[in-house]
């Protein structure tokens, strides 16, 4: 609830700041620059450009702040980083508005272009940053008084866990961590250094503990020398929308990016799975929506042909609906054009193979051309999938994969995709063994996510489709 209130405060203040900045800047241009040309008695006209700006300019600024990631998790904001973000956004947005709206202004000489852009930048920055600073200051005060915070679970009940708790509670500048309890790593551990009533359970039932207490952060307080145990803990936590921190030596057993942070005398690291920066994630989502809309429109004739082909290929529905596991382990219904005979899995889940007799004649064309995947653009628009991401699997097969590869759960941190690095490099899997072999490519993608990599995967997917490499 507090998070939503602060988010709403930021959005409202940014909107009003952008609105007032545009009005003041418009008056400045008309009163100062045009007065030098037309005289001091020049009448200020509120033109169509002014009213259009009142509607569009605030929306433009809100869109820019959203794409830049400013509104992502507003409770975890640094006032210094907030200053940097505000300056960067003000410069970028002012340059855009200048080239879109101001090049046709009446000006005495070219130096007024520089004056205009500096005036817009200054007005926009001041009116935006002062309310933001006020909101973030109120937020920091509420952290200090304990009115808001992040429910935190500490894994471990040893002396390290006890020391970290003391330091979190005693530091003068709070991080917002509110320790709700501990989880025992070994059920036979009798040397706990924390109160028994604060031990919420064991490692085996950590999902229930996290869900019950709405945990947002987890701190791993265990000996870094036991790599096997640490890997087990991290794999159990992977795929959840939580922040994981640990003692510095955990860095030695992880590949990928690690963001360092410090809790005064107790340095902790934030474990990262190589996820994109916020601005890239937001642009990726916008591109997903754009590509899906264009794809559904451009491929509508092919979709119509697929609908007719499926209808006459065999009795049954046109769309095949199947439950898959999405981001953070949330189930969703994935859509495909049906390529198999109806009730093909009446005897239970079964992956398709190269010469699968359950596939209809028209279904083979659908799979060869990947046309059966077209309805998944609907899943992308609904936010359940992305254009590029690890292929979504069924819960039945995920449980089998995790028996041999528990690190599969790391893939659940991102949206599954219509196409993936694993699919481009390996193709469709016909059994669990091949799924595990393909997993390494999806993990490589997870560690190297970027818009550049996404574009390369899309290009190679298109090449595979044109060469008919589907099955």
Protein backbone atom coordinates (compact mmCIF):
# COMPACT_ATOMS: atom_id res chain seq x y z
CA UNK A 1 0.00 0.00 0.00
CA UNK A 2 2.80 2.44 0.90
CA UNK A 3 4.56 1.62 -2.36
CA UNK A 4 1.47 2.52 -4.38
CA UNK A 5 0.98 5.80 -2.48
CA UNK A 6 4.56 6.94 -3.08
CA UNK A 7 4.37 5.87 -6.72
CA UNK A 8 1.17 7.88 -7.15
CA UNK A 9 2.83 10.88 -5.46
CA UNK A 10 5.76 10.75 -7.87
CA UNK A 11 3.52 10.43 -10.92
CA UNK A 12 1.18 13.26 -9.88
CA UNK A 13 4.03 15.62 -8.98
CA UNK A 14 5.87 14.83 -12.23
CA UNK A 15 2.72 15.45 -14.25
CA UNK A 16 2.02 18.80 -12.59
CA UNK A 17 5.69 19.80 -12.89
CA UNK A 18 5.71 19.06 -16.62
CA UNK A 19 2.44 20.94 -17.10
CA UNK A 20 3.62 24.03 -15.20
CA UNK A 21 7.04 23.92 -16.87
CA UNK A 22 5.47 23.98 -20.32
CA UNK A 23 3.17 26.90 -19.44
CA UNK A 24 6.01 28.94 -17.89
CA UNK A 25 8.35 28.17 -20.76
CA UNK A 26 5.71 29.15 -23.33
CA UNK A 27 5.16 32.48 -21.56
CA UNK A 28 8.94 33.01 -21.39
CA UNK A 29 9.31 32.48 -25.14
CA UNK A 30 6.44 34.77 -26.05
CA UNK A 31 7.22 37.52 -23.53
CA UNK A 32 11.01 37.59 -23.92
CA UNK A 33 12.12 36.43 -27.37
CA UNK A 34 9.16 37.51 -29.52
CA UNK A 35 8.88 40.81 -27.70
CA UNK A 36 12.35 41.72 -28.99
CA UNK A 37 11.07 41.19 -32.54
CA UNK A 38 7.52 42.53 -32.38
CA UNK A 39 7.92 45.09 -29.59
CA UNK A 40 6.97 45.26 -25.93
CA UNK A 41 3.29 45.71 -26.76
CA UNK A 42 3.30 42.36 -28.51
CA UNK A 43 0.20 40.32 -27.61
CA UNK A 44 0.80 36.83 -26.31
CA UNK A 45 -1.36 34.41 -28.25
CA UNK A 46 -2.21 31.03 -26.84
CA UNK A 47 -1.93 29.10 -30.07
CA UNK A 48 -2.84 25.57 -31.05
CA UNK A 49 0.75 24.61 -30.23
CA UNK A 50 0.25 25.77 -26.64
CA UNK A 51 -2.90 23.71 -26.06
CA UNK A 52 -1.46 20.71 -27.87
CA UNK A 53 1.58 20.96 -25.62
CA UNK A 54 -0.60 21.04 -22.49
CA UNK A 55 -2.00 17.65 -23.52
CA UNK A 56 1.07 15.95 -24.99
CA UNK A 57 4.09 17.37 -23.13
CA UNK A 58 3.21 16.02 -19.64
CA UNK A 59 2.41 12.61 -21.17
CA UNK A 60 5.75 12.69 -22.98
CA UNK A 61 7.64 13.35 -19.74
CA UNK A 62 5.77 10.60 -17.88
CA UNK A 63 6.56 8.20 -20.72
CA UNK A 64 10.23 9.15 -20.61
CA UNK A 65 10.41 8.64 -16.84
CA UNK A 66 8.67 5.27 -17.18
CA UNK A 67 11.04 4.04 -19.89
CA UNK A 68 14.08 5.22 -17.93
CA UNK A 69 12.93 3.07 -15.00
CA UNK A 70 12.37 5.92 -12.55
CA UNK A 71 9.06 4.48 -11.37
CA UNK A 72 10.48 0.97 -10.84
CA UNK A 73 10.38 0.11 -7.14
CA UNK A 74 10.16 3.67 -5.84
CA UNK A 75 10.81 2.63 -2.23
CA UNK A 76 14.39 1.63 -3.04
CA UNK A 77 15.52 5.01 -4.28
CA UNK A 78 18.76 6.77 -3.46
CA UNK A 79 18.40 10.54 -3.33
CA UNK A 80 21.78 10.93 -5.03
CA UNK A 81 20.80 8.57 -7.85
CA UNK A 82 17.43 10.32 -8.03
CA UNK A 83 19.26 13.59 -8.68
CA UNK A 84 21.31 11.98 -11.45
CA UNK A 85 18.22 10.42 -13.05
CA UNK A 86 16.35 13.73 -12.95
CA UNK A 87 19.22 15.62 -14.58
CA UNK A 88 19.67 13.00 -17.30
CA UNK A 89 15.95 12.84 -18.08
CA UNK A 90 15.65 16.63 -18.11
CA UNK A 91 18.52 16.96 -20.60
CA UNK A 92 17.25 14.19 -22.87
CA UNK A 93 13.63 15.35 -22.79
CA UNK A 94 14.50 19.01 -23.31
CA UNK A 95 16.58 18.19 -26.39
CA UNK A 96 13.71 16.17 -27.83
CA UNK A 97 11.15 18.95 -27.23
CA UNK A 98 13.53 21.53 -28.66
CA UNK A 99 13.91 19.72 -31.99
CA UNK A 100 10.22 18.83 -32.19
CA UNK A 101 8.63 22.16 -31.21
CA UNK A 102 11.10 25.03 -31.06
CA UNK A 103 13.05 25.12 -34.32
CA UNK A 104 10.38 27.25 -36.03
CA UNK A 105 10.25 29.88 -33.26
CA UNK A 106 10.56 33.57 -34.03
CA UNK A 107 13.93 34.57 -32.56
CA UNK A 108 16.12 37.72 -32.86
CA UNK A 109 19.25 35.61 -33.55
CA UNK A 110 20.49 32.03 -33.30
CA UNK A 111 21.81 32.48 -29.73
CA UNK A 112 18.21 32.42 -28.53
CA UNK A 113 18.06 28.73 -29.43
CA UNK A 114 20.64 28.09 -26.72
CA UNK A 115 18.80 30.37 -24.31
CA UNK A 116 15.53 28.59 -25.02
CA UNK A 117 16.87 25.11 -24.40
CA UNK A 118 18.67 26.21 -21.23
CA UNK A 119 15.51 27.89 -19.98
CA UNK A 120 13.42 24.80 -20.68
CA UNK A 121 16.00 22.56 -19.04
CA UNK A 122 16.23 24.77 -15.94
CA UNK A 123 12.48 25.19 -15.48
CA UNK A 124 11.77 21.49 -16.05
CA UNK A 125 14.54 20.33 -13.71
CA UNK A 126 13.68 22.68 -10.84
CA UNK A 127 9.93 22.06 -10.94
CA UNK A 128 10.50 18.30 -11.16
CA UNK A 129 13.32 17.78 -8.68
CA UNK A 130 12.07 19.84 -5.73
CA UNK A 131 8.83 17.80 -5.32
CA UNK A 132 10.77 14.58 -5.90
CA UNK A 133 13.28 15.51 -3.22
CA UNK A 134 10.45 16.29 -0.81
CA UNK A 135 8.76 12.93 -1.47
CA UNK A 136 11.99 10.95 -1.09
CA UNK A 137 12.84 12.84 2.13
CA UNK A 138 9.45 11.91 3.59
CA UNK A 139 10.07 8.33 2.50
CA UNK A 140 13.50 8.21 4.21
CA UNK A 141 11.94 9.60 7.40
CA UNK A 142 9.34 6.82 7.36
CA UNK A 143 12.13 4.27 6.93
CA UNK A 144 13.87 5.71 10.00
CA UNK A 145 10.71 5.54 12.09
CA UNK A 146 9.95 2.00 10.92
CA UNK A 147 6.61 2.93 9.35
CA UNK A 148 7.69 1.35 6.07
CA UNK A 149 10.29 -1.30 5.28
CA UNK A 150 11.08 -4.50 3.45
CA UNK A 151 10.11 -7.77 5.15
CA UNK A 152 13.42 -9.61 5.29
CA UNK A 153 14.18 -13.27 5.90
CA UNK A 154 17.63 -14.42 7.03
CA UNK A 155 18.68 -17.91 6.00
CA UNK A 156 20.78 -19.30 8.78
CA UNK A 157 20.59 -19.23 12.56
CA UNK A 158 24.31 -19.07 13.30
CA UNK A 159 26.48 -16.31 14.75
CA UNK A 160 26.75 -14.64 11.34
CA UNK A 161 22.96 -14.32 11.14
CA UNK A 162 22.86 -12.85 14.64
CA UNK A 163 25.61 -10.34 13.81
CA UNK A 164 23.95 -9.20 10.58
CA UNK A 165 20.67 -8.66 12.45
CA UNK A 166 22.38 -6.50 15.09
CA UNK A 167 24.06 -4.38 12.46
CA UNK A 168 20.86 -3.91 10.46
CA UNK A 169 19.07 -2.73 13.59
CA UNK A 170 21.83 -0.49 14.96
CA UNK A 171 23.08 1.46 11.95
CA UNK A 172 22.23 5.19 11.96
CA UNK A 173 21.01 5.23 8.34
CA UNK A 174 18.52 2.37 7.96
CA UNK A 175 18.33 0.27 4.83
CA UNK A 176 14.65 -0.45 5.43
CA UNK A 177 15.20 -4.15 6.16
CA UNK A 178 12.69 -5.42 8.72
CA UNK A 179 13.86 -8.85 9.83
CA UNK A 180 10.76 -10.99 10.34
CA UNK A 181 12.59 -14.19 11.18
CA UNK A 182 15.07 -16.89 10.26
CA UNK A 183 15.16 -20.18 8.42
CA UNK A 184 17.26 -23.06 9.70
CA UNK A 185 19.47 -24.61 7.05
CA UNK A 186 19.98 -27.94 8.82
CA UNK A 187 17.03 -29.43 10.67
CA UNK A 188 19.42 -31.01 13.18
CA UNK A 189 21.17 -27.73 13.95
CA UNK A 190 21.09 -27.30 17.74
CA UNK A 191 23.51 -24.35 17.97
CA UNK A 192 21.21 -21.55 16.91
CA UNK A 193 22.33 -18.07 17.95
CA UNK A 194 18.90 -16.50 17.46
CA UNK A 195 15.70 -16.77 19.56
CA UNK A 196 13.77 -19.98 18.86
CA UNK A 197 10.49 -18.10 18.50
CA UNK A 198 11.95 -16.21 15.51
CA UNK A 199 12.86 -19.39 13.64
CA UNK A 200 10.09 -19.67 11.04
CA UNK A 201 10.99 -23.01 9.52
CA UNK A 202 13.53 -25.04 7.66
CA UNK A 203 15.08 -24.67 4.24
CA UNK A 204 12.77 -27.33 2.80
CA UNK A 205 9.65 -25.25 3.48
CA UNK A 206 11.10 -21.88 2.50
CA UNK A 207 8.45 -21.27 -0.24
CA UNK A 208 5.69 -21.39 2.38
CA UNK A 209 7.64 -19.05 4.69
CA UNK A 210 8.23 -16.53 1.89
CA UNK A 211 4.60 -16.55 0.81
CA UNK A 212 3.15 -16.44 4.33
CA UNK A 213 5.27 -13.49 5.49
CA UNK A 214 5.36 -11.69 2.10
CA UNK A 215 9.15 -11.63 2.10
CA UNK A 216 10.78 -9.06 -0.20
CA UNK A 217 14.46 -9.61 0.66
CA UNK A 218 16.49 -12.62 1.70
CA UNK A 219 19.95 -12.52 3.30
CA UNK A 220 22.03 -15.70 3.15
CA UNK A 221 24.07 -15.98 6.34
CA UNK A 222 26.08 -19.14 5.99
CA UNK A 223 29.67 -20.22 5.60
CA UNK A 224 30.88 -19.38 2.10
CA UNK A 225 33.16 -22.42 1.94
CA UNK A 226 30.23 -24.82 1.50
CA UNK A 227 29.60 -24.19 -2.20
CA UNK A 228 27.17 -27.09 -2.58
CA UNK A 229 24.93 -25.78 0.18
CA UNK A 230 25.03 -22.23 -1.19
CA UNK A 231 24.11 -23.42 -4.67
CA UNK A 232 21.18 -25.33 -3.20
CA UNK A 233 19.94 -22.24 -1.34
CA UNK A 234 20.27 -19.97 -4.37
CA UNK A 235 18.49 -22.46 -6.63
CA UNK A 236 15.60 -22.70 -4.14
CA UNK A 237 15.26 -18.90 -4.15
CA UNK A 238 15.63 -18.46 -7.91
CA UNK A 239 12.57 -17.62 -9.96
CA UNK A 240 11.00 -15.47 -7.23
CA UNK A 241 10.47 -11.73 -7.24
CA UNK A 242 12.73 -11.12 -4.27
CA UNK A 243 16.13 -9.53 -3.68
CA UNK A 244 18.84 -11.94 -2.54
CA UNK A 245 21.87 -10.74 -0.60
CA UNK A 246 24.76 -12.67 0.83
CA UNK A 247 28.23 -12.44 2.31
CA UNK A 248 30.92 -11.39 -0.19
CA UNK A 249 32.52 -14.79 -0.79
CA UNK A 250 29.35 -15.95 -2.52
CA UNK A 251 30.66 -13.96 -5.50
CA UNK A 252 33.26 -16.71 -6.06
CA UNK A 253 30.62 -19.33 -6.88
CA UNK A 254 28.50 -17.21 -9.21
CA UNK A 255 29.00 -16.23 -12.79
CA UNK A 256 27.31 -13.07 -13.97
CA UNK A 257 26.96 -9.55 -12.62
CA UNK A 258 27.14 -8.83 -8.91
CA UNK A 259 26.07 -5.47 -7.61
CA UNK A 260 28.02 -4.52 -4.48
CA UNK A 261 26.37 -2.76 -1.56
CA UNK A 262 27.44 -2.07 2.01
CA UNK A 263 25.58 -2.31 5.30
CA UNK A 264 28.18 -0.37 7.28
CA UNK A 265 30.51 -2.88 8.97
CA UNK A 266 28.72 -5.82 7.34
CA UNK A 267 29.31 -5.73 3.57
CA UNK A 268 26.72 -7.62 1.55
CA UNK A 269 26.39 -8.33 -2.13
CA UNK A 270 23.22 -8.27 -4.15
CA UNK A 271 23.09 -11.36 -6.29
CA UNK A 272 22.07 -10.59 -9.87
CA UNK A 273 21.12 -13.00 -12.60
CA UNK A 274 22.26 -10.72 -15.38
CA UNK A 275 18.85 -9.10 -15.85
CA UNK A 276 18.70 -6.05 -18.15
CA UNK A 277 18.85 -2.50 -16.75
CA UNK A 278 15.40 -1.06 -16.08
CA UNK A 279 15.38 1.18 -19.16
CA UNK A 280 16.25 -1.75 -21.43
CA UNK A 281 13.57 -3.92 -19.83
CA UNK A 282 10.97 -1.21 -20.43
CA UNK A 283 12.06 -0.72 -24.04
CA UNK A 284 12.01 -4.50 -24.51
CA UNK A 285 8.40 -4.53 -23.31
CA UNK A 286 7.44 -1.68 -25.66
CA UNK A 287 9.11 -3.51 -28.54
CA UNK A 288 7.22 -6.69 -27.58
CA UNK A 289 3.92 -4.82 -27.85
CA UNK A 290 4.91 -3.12 -31.12
CA UNK A 291 6.21 -6.31 -32.76
CA UNK A 292 3.14 -8.29 -31.64
CA UNK A 293 0.67 -5.75 -33.03
CA UNK A 294 2.56 -5.50 -36.33
CA UNK A 295 2.97 -9.29 -36.43
CA UNK A 296 -0.74 -9.97 -35.92
CA UNK A 297 -1.65 -7.41 -38.60
CA UNK A 298 0.94 -8.41 -41.21
CA UNK A 299 0.44 -12.14 -40.65
CA UNK A 300 -3.37 -11.93 -40.61
CA UNK A 301 -3.68 -13.43 -44.14
CA UNK A 302 -1.42 -16.32 -43.09
CA UNK A 303 -3.43 -16.68 -39.87
CA UNK A 304 -6.64 -16.92 -41.90
CA UNK A 305 -5.04 -19.63 -44.06
CA UNK A 306 -3.95 -21.46 -40.89
CA UNK A 307 -7.47 -21.27 -39.45
CA UNK A 308 -8.93 -22.76 -42.62
CA UNK A 309 -6.20 -25.39 -42.83
CA UNK A 310 -6.61 -26.51 -39.21
CA UNK A 311 -10.40 -26.60 -39.56
CA UNK A 312 -10.24 -29.00 -42.53
CA UNK A 313 -7.19 -31.00 -41.36
CA UNK A 314 -8.97 -32.89 -38.58
CA UNK A 315 -11.88 -32.52 -36.12
CA UNK A 316 -11.17 -30.36 -33.10
CA UNK A 317 -10.61 -26.76 -32.00
CA UNK A 318 -8.55 -24.35 -34.11
CA UNK A 319 -6.57 -23.00 -31.18
CA UNK A 320 -4.66 -25.33 -28.89
CA UNK A 321 -4.61 -24.09 -25.31
CA UNK A 322 -2.09 -25.45 -22.82
CA UNK A 323 -1.03 -24.36 -19.34
CA UNK A 324 2.60 -23.29 -19.14
CA UNK A 325 4.67 -21.80 -16.32
CA UNK A 326 5.59 -18.15 -16.74
CA UNK A 327 7.52 -15.47 -14.90
CA UNK A 328 7.99 -16.09 -11.17
CA UNK A 329 6.34 -19.49 -11.58
CA UNK A 330 2.90 -18.09 -12.42
CA UNK A 331 0.85 -20.41 -14.68
CA UNK A 332 -0.76 -19.07 -17.84
CA UNK A 333 -2.57 -20.45 -20.87
CA UNK A 334 -0.42 -20.46 -24.02
CA UNK A 335 -2.10 -20.39 -27.45
CA UNK A 336 -1.03 -22.18 -30.63
CA UNK A 337 -2.71 -23.23 -33.84
CA UNK A 338 -3.52 -26.92 -33.32
CA UNK A 339 -1.05 -29.10 -35.22
CA UNK A 340 -1.98 -32.50 -33.73
CA UNK A 341 -5.06 -34.65 -33.81
CA UNK A 342 -7.51 -33.87 -31.03
CA UNK A 343 -6.85 -35.62 -27.68
CA UNK A 344 -3.25 -36.32 -28.72
CA UNK A 345 -2.24 -36.34 -25.06
CA UNK A 346 -5.13 -38.31 -23.66
CA UNK A 347 -2.61 -40.72 -22.12
CA UNK A 348 -0.65 -37.97 -20.41
CA UNK A 349 2.02 -35.36 -21.30
CA UNK A 350 4.18 -36.43 -24.21
CA UNK A 351 6.68 -34.35 -26.20
CA UNK A 352 6.53 -34.41 -29.98
CA UNK A 353 9.24 -36.18 -31.97
CA UNK A 354 10.52 -35.96 -35.55
CA UNK A 355 8.15 -38.57 -36.95
CA UNK A 356 5.33 -38.10 -34.48
CA UNK A 357 2.19 -39.78 -35.84
CA UNK A 358 -0.03 -37.49 -33.76
CA UNK A 359 0.83 -34.53 -36.00
CA UNK A 360 -1.61 -33.89 -38.84
CA UNK A 361 -0.41 -33.38 -42.42
CA UNK A 362 -1.25 -29.69 -42.24
CA UNK A 363 0.25 -29.60 -38.74
CA UNK A 364 3.63 -30.56 -40.19
CA UNK A 365 3.50 -27.46 -42.37
CA UNK A 366 2.57 -25.36 -39.34
CA UNK A 367 5.51 -26.67 -37.34
CA UNK A 368 7.97 -26.49 -40.23
CA UNK A 369 7.09 -22.84 -40.86
CA UNK A 370 6.53 -22.01 -37.17
CA UNK A 371 3.11 -20.67 -38.19
CA UNK A 372 1.55 -22.48 -35.23
CA UNK A 373 3.28 -19.94 -32.95
CA UNK A 374 1.45 -16.89 -34.36
CA UNK A 375 -1.31 -16.86 -31.66
CA UNK A 376 1.42 -16.47 -29.02
CA UNK A 377 1.60 -12.79 -29.98
CA UNK A 378 -1.64 -12.59 -27.98
CA UNK A 379 0.22 -13.96 -24.95
CA UNK A 380 2.87 -11.29 -25.51
CA UNK A 381 0.26 -8.51 -25.59
CA UNK A 382 -1.23 -9.85 -22.36
CA UNK A 383 2.19 -9.61 -20.70
CA UNK A 384 2.51 -13.36 -20.17
CA UNK A 385 5.29 -13.83 -22.70
CA UNK A 386 7.96 -11.87 -24.54
CA UNK A 387 9.04 -12.14 -28.16
CA UNK A 388 12.47 -13.35 -26.99
CA UNK A 389 12.95 -15.44 -23.86
CA UNK A 390 13.32 -19.04 -22.71
CA UNK A 391 10.56 -21.26 -24.08
CA UNK A 392 7.83 -21.85 -21.46
CA UNK A 393 7.46 -25.40 -20.19
CA UNK A 394 4.73 -27.32 -18.45
CA UNK A 395 4.93 -27.90 -14.70
CA UNK A 396 5.16 -31.65 -15.35
CA UNK A 397 8.41 -31.27 -17.31
CA UNK A 398 9.83 -28.54 -15.08
CA UNK A 399 9.68 -30.91 -12.11
CA UNK A 400 11.54 -33.54 -14.15
CA UNK A 401 14.16 -31.04 -15.32
CA UNK A 402 14.77 -29.82 -11.78
CA UNK A 403 15.56 -33.35 -10.60
CA UNK A 404 18.80 -33.13 -12.60
CA UNK A 405 19.14 -29.37 -13.10
CA UNK A 406 17.70 -27.40 -10.15
CA UNK A 407 19.23 -24.22 -11.56
CA UNK A 408 16.41 -24.23 -14.14
CA UNK A 409 14.43 -22.05 -11.74
CA UNK A 410 16.70 -19.09 -12.56
CA UNK A 411 14.90 -18.86 -15.92
CA UNK A 412 11.64 -18.07 -14.14
CA UNK A 413 12.92 -14.58 -13.34
CA UNK A 414 12.08 -13.41 -16.85
CA UNK A 415 9.11 -13.74 -19.19
CA UNK A 416 9.20 -16.81 -21.43
CA UNK A 417 9.45 -16.14 -25.14
CA UNK A 418 8.13 -17.12 -28.55
CA UNK A 419 11.72 -17.72 -29.58
CA UNK A 420 14.90 -18.12 -27.55
CA UNK A 421 18.65 -18.48 -27.77
CA UNK A 422 18.24 -22.13 -26.78
CA UNK A 423 15.74 -22.73 -29.55
CA UNK A 424 17.93 -21.03 -32.17
CA UNK A 425 21.06 -22.90 -31.09
CA UNK A 426 19.49 -26.26 -30.27
CA UNK A 427 15.97 -26.41 -31.66
CA UNK A 428 12.92 -28.06 -30.13
CA UNK A 429 13.54 -30.71 -27.48
CA UNK A 430 12.06 -34.19 -27.86
CA UNK A 431 12.77 -35.39 -24.32
CA UNK A 432 13.86 -34.18 -20.89
CA UNK A 433 17.51 -34.91 -21.63
CA UNK A 434 17.43 -32.59 -24.61
CA UNK A 435 15.62 -29.98 -22.51
CA UNK A 436 18.51 -30.05 -20.04
CA UNK A 437 21.04 -29.78 -22.87
CA UNK A 438 19.16 -26.78 -24.27
CA UNK A 439 19.03 -25.22 -20.80
CA UNK A 440 22.65 -24.09 -20.96
CA UNK A 441 21.88 -21.79 -23.90
CA UNK A 442 18.94 -20.21 -22.08
CA UNK A 443 21.14 -19.62 -19.03
CA UNK A 444 23.73 -17.97 -21.28
CA UNK A 445 20.95 -15.71 -22.56
CA UNK A 446 19.92 -14.89 -18.99
CA UNK A 447 23.47 -13.80 -18.16
CA UNK A 448 23.83 -11.74 -21.35
CA UNK A 449 20.37 -10.22 -21.83
CA UNK A 450 20.37 -7.08 -23.93
CA UNK A 451 18.37 -5.52 -26.74
CA UNK A 452 21.29 -6.29 -29.06
CA UNK A 453 21.13 -10.00 -28.22
CA UNK A 454 17.34 -9.99 -28.67
CA UNK A 455 17.66 -8.52 -32.17
CA UNK A 456 20.25 -11.17 -33.10
CA UNK A 457 17.96 -13.96 -31.87
CA UNK A 458 15.03 -12.54 -33.86
CA UNK A 459 17.17 -12.37 -37.01
CA UNK A 460 18.44 -15.95 -36.64
CA UNK A 461 14.91 -17.15 -35.89
CA UNK A 462 13.72 -15.54 -39.15
CA UNK A 463 16.57 -17.28 -41.00
CA UNK A 464 15.58 -20.63 -39.48
CA UNK A 465 11.95 -20.10 -40.53
CA UNK A 466 12.93 -19.21 -44.11
CA UNK A 467 15.13 -22.31 -44.26
CA UNK A 468 12.34 -24.49 -42.87
CA UNK A 469 14.25 -25.79 -39.85
CA UNK A 470 11.16 -26.25 -37.70
CA UNK A 471 9.82 -29.67 -36.84
